[in-house]
Amino acid sequence: MLTTLKAPGQLGTRWLSEDVPYGLRAWPGLGDAVGVATPVTDDVITLGLAVLHEPLDTNRRTLADMGLEEMDRERMLRYAH
């Protein structure tokens, strides 16, 4: 049986203001580093930041922030394990 969706009633919530720039923004950088395209994620980020009226370079989490900046794909995999 379907239940009522408990989603926010406004767009200026953490679901967008934190998850898009800080959560999703990490994935394209990681994808670039390991040679994996992230076109759908890129589009979701673009739409989310547009809804928030934020520029595309707003508050992104970088590989350096995650301690992965100087690592190649193999080293990232070893680090993750």
PDB file of N, CA and C in Angstrom:
ATOM      1  N   MET A   1       0.824  -1.164   0.000  1.00  0.00           N
ATOM      2  CA  MET A   1       0.000   0.000   0.000  1.00  0.00           C
ATOM      3  C   MET A   1       0.881   1.244   0.000  1.00  0.00           C
ATOM      4  N   LEU A   2       0.515   2.222  -0.762  1.00  0.00           N
ATOM      5  CA  LEU A   2       1.291   3.454  -0.839  1.00  0.00           C
ATOM      6  C   LEU A   2       1.042   4.329   0.380  1.00  0.00           C
ATOM      7  N   THR A   3       2.097   4.989   0.832  1.00  0.00           N
ATOM      8  CA  THR A   3       1.977   5.918   1.951  1.00  0.00           C
ATOM      9  C   THR A   3       2.300   7.320   1.467  1.00  0.00           C
ATOM     10  N   THR A   4       1.969   8.283   2.271  1.00  0.00           N
ATOM     11  CA  THR A   4       2.255   9.666   1.940  1.00  0.00           C
ATOM     12  C   THR A   4       3.763   9.895   1.940  1.00  0.00           C
ATOM     13  N   LEU A   5       4.258  10.519   0.906  1.00  0.00           N
ATOM     14  CA  LEU A   5       5.676  10.833   0.810  1.00  0.00           C
ATOM     15  C   LEU A   5       6.028  11.930   1.804  1.00  0.00           C
ATOM     16  N   LYS A   6       7.046  11.697   2.594  1.00  0.00           N
ATOM     17  CA  LYS A   6       7.470  12.681   3.583  1.00  0.00           C
ATOM     18  C   LYS A   6       8.649  13.472   3.028  1.00  0.00           C
ATOM     19  N   ALA A   7       8.386  14.266   2.038  1.00  0.00           N
ATOM     20  CA  ALA A   7       9.402  15.103   1.416  1.00  0.00           C
ATOM     21  C   ALA A   7       9.253  16.532   1.917  1.00  0.00           C
ATOM     22  N   PRO A   8      10.328  17.313   1.801  1.00  0.00           N
ATOM     23  CA  PRO A   8      10.222  18.700   2.253  1.00  0.00           C
ATOM     24  C   PRO A   8       9.222  19.482   1.413  1.00  0.00           C
ATOM     25  N   GLY A   9       8.591  20.471   2.037  1.00  0.00           N
ATOM     26  CA  GLY A   9       7.601  21.288   1.352  1.00  0.00           C
ATOM     27  C   GLY A   9       8.193  22.513   0.686  1.00  0.00           C
ATOM     28  N   GLN A  10       9.517  22.625   0.705  1.00  0.00           N
ATOM     29  CA  GLN A  10      10.187  23.756   0.074  1.00  0.00           C
ATOM     30  C   GLN A  10      11.505  23.282  -0.528  1.00  0.00           C
ATOM     31  N   LEU A  11      12.072  24.084  -1.413  1.00  0.00           N
ATOM     32  CA  LEU A  11      13.296  23.684  -2.090  1.00  0.00           C
ATOM     33  C   LEU A  11      14.554  24.022  -1.307  1.00  0.00           C
ATOM     34  N   GLY A  12      14.526  25.004  -0.434  1.00  0.00           N
ATOM     35  CA  GLY A  12      15.709  25.409   0.308  1.00  0.00           C
ATOM     36  C   GLY A  12      15.986  24.532   1.509  1.00  0.00           C
ATOM     37  N   THR A  13      16.077  23.242   1.312  1.00  0.00           N
ATOM     38  CA  THR A  13      16.319  22.300   2.411  1.00  0.00           C
ATOM     39  C   THR A  13      17.707  21.702   2.287  1.00  0.00           C
ATOM     40  N   ARG A  14      18.116  20.985   3.304  1.00  0.00           N
ATOM     41  CA  ARG A  14      19.416  20.306   3.282  1.00  0.00           C
ATOM     42  C   ARG A  14      19.521  19.329   2.127  1.00  0.00           C
ATOM     43  N   TRP A  15      18.416  18.771   1.705  1.00  0.00           N
ATOM     44  CA  TRP A  15      18.439  17.796   0.616  1.00  0.00           C
ATOM     45  C   TRP A  15      19.077  18.390  -0.622  1.00  0.00           C
ATOM     46  N   LEU A  16      18.888  19.646  -0.833  1.00  0.00           N
ATOM     47  CA  LEU A  16      19.527  20.322  -1.961  1.00  0.00           C
ATOM     48  C   LEU A  16      20.743  21.131  -1.530  1.00  0.00           C
ATOM     49  N   SER A  17      20.597  21.951  -0.504  1.00  0.00           N
ATOM     50  CA  SER A  17      21.656  22.897  -0.150  1.00  0.00           C
ATOM     51  C   SER A  17      22.930  22.232   0.362  1.00  0.00           C
ATOM     52  N   GLU A  18      22.837  21.016   0.881  1.00  0.00           N
ATOM     53  CA  GLU A  18      24.028  20.300   1.335  1.00  0.00           C
ATOM     54  C   GLU A  18      24.356  19.113   0.438  1.00  0.00           C
ATOM     55  N   ASP A  19      23.357  18.341   0.095  1.00  0.00           N
ATOM     56  CA  ASP A  19      23.620  17.116  -0.654  1.00  0.00           C
ATOM     57  C   ASP A  19      24.137  17.369  -2.062  1.00  0.00           C
ATOM     58  N   VAL A  20      23.648  18.409  -2.719  1.00  0.00           N
ATOM     59  CA  VAL A  20      24.122  18.680  -4.082  1.00  0.00           C
ATOM     60  C   VAL A  20      25.563  19.188  -4.070  1.00  0.00           C
ATOM     61  N   PRO A  21      25.859  20.314  -3.416  1.00  0.00           N
ATOM     62  CA  PRO A  21      27.228  20.823  -3.510  1.00  0.00           C
ATOM     63  C   PRO A  21      28.268  19.987  -2.770  1.00  0.00           C
ATOM     64  N   TYR A  22      27.912  19.377  -1.667  1.00  0.00           N
ATOM     65  CA  TYR A  22      28.913  18.649  -0.886  1.00  0.00           C
ATOM     66  C   TYR A  22      28.911  17.144  -1.122  1.00  0.00           C
ATOM     67  N   GLY A  23      27.764  16.567  -1.403  1.00  0.00           N
ATOM     68  CA  GLY A  23      27.694  15.124  -1.635  1.00  0.00           C
ATOM     69  C   GLY A  23      27.907  14.784  -3.097  1.00  0.00           C
ATOM     70  N   LEU A  24      27.000  15.246  -3.926  1.00  0.00           N
ATOM     71  CA  LEU A  24      27.073  14.900  -5.347  1.00  0.00           C
ATOM     72  C   LEU A  24      28.281  15.499  -6.053  1.00  0.00           C
ATOM     73  N   ARG A  25      28.702  16.692  -5.649  1.00  0.00           N
ATOM     74  CA  ARG A  25      29.803  17.353  -6.348  1.00  0.00           C
ATOM     75  C   ARG A  25      31.108  16.570  -6.256  1.00  0.00           C
ATOM     76  N   ALA A  26      31.236  15.664  -5.319  1.00  0.00           N
ATOM     77  CA  ALA A  26      32.455  14.866  -5.190  1.00  0.00           C
ATOM     78  C   ALA A  26      32.569  13.818  -6.293  1.00  0.00           C
ATOM     79  N   TRP A  27      31.452  13.299  -6.760  1.00  0.00           N
ATOM     80  CA  TRP A  27      31.474  12.173  -7.685  1.00  0.00           C
ATOM     81  C   TRP A  27      32.060  12.473  -9.068  1.00  0.00           C
ATOM     82  N   PRO A  28      31.750  13.596  -9.709  1.00  0.00           N
ATOM     83  CA  PRO A  28      32.381  13.858 -11.012  1.00  0.00           C
ATOM     84  C   PRO A  28      33.902  13.970 -10.930  1.00  0.00           C
ATOM     85  N   GLY A  29      34.422  14.569  -9.870  1.00  0.00           N
ATOM     86  CA  GLY A  29      35.873  14.655  -9.710  1.00  0.00           C
ATOM     87  C   GLY A  29      36.495  13.287  -9.558  1.00  0.00           C
ATOM     88  N   LEU A  30      35.838  12.443  -8.791  1.00  0.00           N
ATOM     89  CA  LEU A  30      36.321  11.073  -8.620  1.00  0.00           C
ATOM     90  C   LEU A  30      36.214  10.309  -9.935  1.00  0.00           C
ATOM     91  N   GLY A  31      35.108  10.488 -10.638  1.00  0.00           N
ATOM     92  CA  GLY A  31      34.946   9.846 -11.946  1.00  0.00           C
ATOM     93  C   GLY A  31      36.027  10.270 -12.927  1.00  0.00           C
ATOM     94  N   ASP A  32      36.327  11.561 -12.978  1.00  0.00           N
ATOM     95  CA  ASP A  32      37.391  12.056 -13.855  1.00  0.00           C
ATOM     96  C   ASP A  32      38.726  11.408 -13.517  1.00  0.00           C
ATOM     97  N   ALA A  33      39.003  11.284 -12.232  1.00  0.00           N
ATOM     98  CA  ALA A  33      40.280  10.729 -11.786  1.00  0.00           C
ATOM     99  C   ALA A  33      40.461   9.270 -12.188  1.00  0.00           C
ATOM    100  N   VAL A  34      39.349   8.530 -12.277  1.00  0.00           N
ATOM    101  CA  VAL A  34      39.456   7.102 -12.602  1.00  0.00           C
ATOM    102  C   VAL A  34      38.960   6.776 -14.009  1.00  0.00           C
ATOM    103  N   GLY A  35      38.624   7.819 -14.788  1.00  0.00           N
ATOM    104  CA  GLY A  35      38.235   7.610 -16.177  1.00  0.00           C
ATOM    105  C   GLY A  35      36.805   7.151 -16.382  1.00  0.00           C
ATOM    106  N   VAL A  36      35.898   7.562 -15.501  1.00  0.00           N
ATOM    107  CA  VAL A  36      34.491   7.192 -15.618  1.00  0.00           C
ATOM    108  C   VAL A  36      33.661   8.461 -15.802  1.00  0.00           C
ATOM    109  N   ALA A  37      32.905   8.518 -16.882  1.00  0.00           N
ATOM    110  CA  ALA A  37      32.049   9.670 -17.145  1.00  0.00           C
ATOM    111  C   ALA A  37      30.863   9.668 -16.186  1.00  0.00           C
ATOM    112  N   THR A  38      30.410  10.855 -15.799  1.00  0.00           N
ATOM    113  CA  THR A  38      29.287  10.987 -14.870  1.00  0.00           C
ATOM    114  C   THR A  38      28.246  11.972 -15.426  1.00  0.00           C
ATOM    115  N   PRO A  39      27.750  11.747 -16.637  1.00  0.00           N
ATOM    116  CA  PRO A  39      26.860  12.728 -17.256  1.00  0.00           C
ATOM    117  C   PRO A  39      25.544  12.940 -16.511  1.00  0.00           C
ATOM    118  N   VAL A  40      24.952  11.910 -15.982  1.00  0.00           N
ATOM    119  CA  VAL A  40      23.677  12.066 -15.273  1.00  0.00           C
ATOM    120  C   VAL A  40      23.901  12.832 -13.967  1.00  0.00           C
ATOM    121  N   THR A  41      24.932  12.469 -13.238  1.00  0.00           N
ATOM    122  CA  THR A  41      25.258  13.186 -12.003  1.00  0.00           C
ATOM    123  C   THR A  41      25.561  14.648 -12.302  1.00  0.00           C
ATOM    124  N   ASP A  42      26.304  14.903 -13.372  1.00  0.00           N
ATOM    125  CA  ASP A  42      26.605  16.279 -13.768  1.00  0.00           C
ATOM    126  C   ASP A  42      25.323  17.062 -14.010  1.00  0.00           C
ATOM    127  N   ASP A  43      24.366  16.449 -14.677  1.00  0.00           N
ATOM    128  CA  ASP A  43      23.098  17.125 -14.962  1.00  0.00           C
ATOM    129  C   ASP A  43      22.279  17.364 -13.699  1.00  0.00           C
ATOM    130  N   VAL A  44      22.269  16.406 -12.774  1.00  0.00           N
ATOM    131  CA  VAL A  44      21.544  16.582 -11.513  1.00  0.00           C
ATOM    132  C   VAL A  44      22.160  17.737 -10.719  1.00  0.00           C
ATOM    133  N   ILE A  45      23.485  17.819 -10.719  1.00  0.00           N
ATOM    134  CA  ILE A  45      24.176  18.912 -10.036  1.00  0.00           C
ATOM    135  C   ILE A  45      23.801  20.248 -10.669  1.00  0.00           C
ATOM    136  N   THR A  46      23.832  20.302 -11.980  1.00  0.00           N
ATOM    137  CA  THR A  46      23.483  21.540 -12.691  1.00  0.00           C
ATOM    138  C   THR A  46      22.066  21.975 -12.353  1.00  0.00           C
ATOM    139  N   LEU A  47      21.123  21.043 -12.383  1.00  0.00           N
ATOM    140  CA  LEU A  47      19.736  21.373 -12.050  1.00  0.00           C
ATOM    141  C   LEU A  47      19.578  21.775 -10.585  1.00  0.00           C
ATOM    142  N   GLY A  48      20.209  21.043  -9.692  1.00  0.00           N
ATOM    143  CA  GLY A  48      20.107  21.351  -8.269  1.00  0.00           C
ATOM    144  C   GLY A  48      20.655  22.727  -7.938  1.00  0.00           C
ATOM    145  N   LEU A  49      21.813  23.059  -8.503  1.00  0.00           N
ATOM    146  CA  LEU A  49      22.394  24.375  -8.242  1.00  0.00           C
ATOM    147  C   LEU A  49      21.570  25.480  -8.888  1.00  0.00           C
ATOM    148  N   ALA A  50      20.952  25.196 -10.031  1.00  0.00           N
ATOM    149  CA  ALA A  50      20.072  26.186 -10.663  1.00  0.00           C
ATOM    150  C   ALA A  50      18.869  26.469  -9.767  1.00  0.00           C
ATOM    151  N   VAL A  51      18.300  25.431  -9.177  1.00  0.00           N
ATOM    152  CA  VAL A  51      17.161  25.603  -8.268  1.00  0.00           C
ATOM    153  C   VAL A  51      17.575  26.440  -7.059  1.00  0.00           C
ATOM    154  N   LEU A  52      18.803  26.235  -6.594  1.00  0.00           N
ATOM    155  CA  LEU A  52      19.313  26.977  -5.442  1.00  0.00           C
ATOM    156  C   LEU A  52      19.827  28.366  -5.810  1.00  0.00           C
ATOM    157  N   HIS A  53      19.844  28.678  -7.104  1.00  0.00           N
ATOM    158  CA  HIS A  53      20.383  29.948  -7.604  1.00  0.00           C
ATOM    159  C   HIS A  53      21.849  30.109  -7.209  1.00  0.00           C
ATOM    160  N   GLU A  54      22.599  29.014  -7.341  1.00  0.00           N
ATOM    161  CA  GLU A  54      24.021  29.009  -7.006  1.00  0.00           C
ATOM    162  C   GLU A  54      24.834  28.771  -8.274  1.00  0.00           C
ATOM    163  N   PRO A  55      26.002  29.394  -8.380  1.00  0.00           N
ATOM    164  CA  PRO A  55      26.866  29.133  -9.539  1.00  0.00           C
ATOM    165  C   PRO A  55      27.416  27.707  -9.494  1.00  0.00           C
ATOM    166  N   LEU A  56      27.823  27.201 -10.640  1.00  0.00           N
ATOM    167  CA  LEU A  56      28.297  25.817 -10.722  1.00  0.00           C
ATOM    168  C   LEU A  56      29.546  25.548  -9.892  1.00  0.00           C
ATOM    169  N   ASP A  57      30.309  26.569  -9.560  1.00  0.00           N
ATOM    170  CA  ASP A  57      31.530  26.337  -8.784  1.00  0.00           C
ATOM    171  C   ASP A  57      31.324  26.511  -7.279  1.00  0.00           C
ATOM    172  N   THR A  58      30.089  26.502  -6.839  1.00  0.00           N
ATOM    173  CA  THR A  58      29.769  26.713  -5.424  1.00  0.00           C
ATOM    174  C   THR A  58      30.100  25.493  -4.572  1.00  0.00           C
ATOM    175  N   ASN A  59      30.831  25.712  -3.493  1.00  0.00           N
ATOM    176  CA  ASN A  59      30.996  24.731  -2.411  1.00  0.00           C
ATOM    177  C   ASN A  59      31.175  23.293  -2.855  1.00  0.00           C
ATOM    178  N   ARG A  60      32.126  23.037  -3.677  1.00  0.00           N
ATOM    179  CA  ARG A  60      32.277  21.642  -4.075  1.00  0.00           C
ATOM    180  C   ARG A  60      33.337  20.939  -3.242  1.00  0.00           C
ATOM    181  N   ARG A  61      33.121  19.675  -3.041  1.00  0.00           N
ATOM    182  CA  ARG A  61      34.092  18.835  -2.348  1.00  0.00           C
ATOM    183  C   ARG A  61      35.054  18.298  -3.407  1.00  0.00           C
ATOM    184  N   THR A  62      36.329  18.535  -3.221  1.00  0.00           N
ATOM    185  CA  THR A  62      37.331  18.156  -4.215  1.00  0.00           C
ATOM    186  C   THR A  62      38.069  16.889  -3.787  1.00  0.00           C
ATOM    187  N   LEU A  63      38.858  16.365  -4.704  1.00  0.00           N
ATOM    188  CA  LEU A  63      39.699  15.211  -4.364  1.00  0.00           C
ATOM    189  C   LEU A  63      40.664  15.572  -3.241  1.00  0.00           C
ATOM    190  N   ALA A  64      41.165  16.796  -3.249  1.00  0.00           N
ATOM    191  CA  ALA A  64      42.071  17.240  -2.180  1.00  0.00           C
ATOM    192  C   ALA A  64      41.364  17.205  -0.829  1.00  0.00           C
ATOM    193  N   ASP A  65      40.095  17.625  -0.789  1.00  0.00           N
ATOM    194  CA  ASP A  65      39.326  17.587   0.459  1.00  0.00           C
ATOM    195  C   ASP A  65      39.196  16.166   0.999  1.00  0.00           C
ATOM    196  N   MET A  66      39.181  15.200   0.085  1.00  0.00           N
ATOM    197  CA  MET A  66      39.013  13.802   0.485  1.00  0.00           C
ATOM    198  C   MET A  66      40.344  13.077   0.649  1.00  0.00           C
ATOM    199  N   GLY A  67      41.457  13.800   0.464  1.00  0.00           N
ATOM    200  CA  GLY A  67      42.777  13.181   0.599  1.00  0.00           C
ATOM    201  C   GLY A  67      43.157  12.305  -0.574  1.00  0.00           C
ATOM    202  N   LEU A  68      42.557  12.543  -1.746  1.00  0.00           N
ATOM    203  CA  LEU A  68      42.788  11.693  -2.918  1.00  0.00           C
ATOM    204  C   LEU A  68      43.490  12.412  -4.067  1.00  0.00           C
ATOM    205  N   GLU A  69      43.884  13.637  -3.868  1.00  0.00           N
ATOM    206  CA  GLU A  69      44.359  14.494  -4.944  1.00  0.00           C
ATOM    207  C   GLU A  69      45.531  13.913  -5.735  1.00  0.00           C
ATOM    208  N   GLU A  70      46.492  13.344  -5.079  1.00  0.00           N
ATOM    209  CA  GLU A  70      47.697  12.854  -5.767  1.00  0.00           C
ATOM    210  C   GLU A  70      47.639  11.367  -6.096  1.00  0.00           C
ATOM    211  N   MET A  71      46.489  10.744  -5.902  1.00  0.00           N
ATOM    212  CA  MET A  71      46.386   9.294  -6.104  1.00  0.00           C
ATOM    213  C   MET A  71      45.903   8.945  -7.505  1.00  0.00           C
ATOM    214  N   ASP A  72      46.474   7.869  -8.053  1.00  0.00           N
ATOM    215  CA  ASP A  72      45.937   7.328  -9.300  1.00  0.00           C
ATOM    216  C   ASP A  72      44.844   6.320  -8.936  1.00  0.00           C
ATOM    217  N   ARG A  73      44.225   5.751  -9.967  1.00  0.00           N
ATOM    218  CA  ARG A  73      43.100   4.840  -9.750  1.00  0.00           C
ATOM    219  C   ARG A  73      43.461   3.681  -8.828  1.00  0.00           C
ATOM    220  N   GLU A  74      44.588   3.037  -9.084  1.00  0.00           N
ATOM    221  CA  GLU A  74      44.991   1.871  -8.294  1.00  0.00           C
ATOM    222  C   GLU A  74      45.245   2.238  -6.835  1.00  0.00           C
ATOM    223  N   ARG A  75      45.869   3.369  -6.625  1.00  0.00           N
ATOM    224  CA  ARG A  75      46.131   3.783  -5.243  1.00  0.00           C
ATOM    225  C   ARG A  75      44.827   4.121  -4.518  1.00  0.00           C
ATOM    226  N   MET A  76      43.878   4.735  -5.241  1.00  0.00           N
ATOM    227  CA  MET A  76      42.574   5.019  -4.633  1.00  0.00           C
ATOM    228  C   MET A  76      41.880   3.732  -4.217  1.00  0.00           C
ATOM    229  N   LEU A  77      41.961   2.711  -5.066  1.00  0.00           N
ATOM    230  CA  LEU A  77      41.339   1.430  -4.734  1.00  0.00           C
ATOM    231  C   LEU A  77      41.983   0.801  -3.501  1.00  0.00           C
ATOM    232  N   ARG A  78      43.318   0.843  -3.430  1.00  0.00           N
ATOM    233  CA  ARG A  78      44.007   0.310  -2.251  1.00  0.00           C
ATOM    234  C   ARG A  78      43.612   1.086  -0.998  1.00  0.00           C
ATOM    235  N   TYR A  79      43.529   2.401  -1.128  1.00  0.00           N
ATOM    236  CA  TYR A  79      43.141   3.266   0.000  1.00  0.00           C
ATOM    237  C   TYR A  79      41.728   2.929   0.470  1.00  0.00           C
ATOM    238  N   ALA A  80      40.833   2.698  -0.472  1.00  0.00           N
ATOM    239  CA  ALA A  80      39.433   2.388  -0.131  1.00  0.00           C
ATOM    240  C   ALA A  80      39.316   1.044   0.575  1.00  0.00           C
ATOM    241  N   HIS A  81      40.164   0.106   0.216  1.00  0.00           N
ATOM    242  CA  HIS A  81      40.108  -1.201   0.868  1.00  0.00           C
ATOM    243  C   HIS A  81      40.735  -1.135   2.241  1.00  0.00           C
TER     244      HIS A  81
END
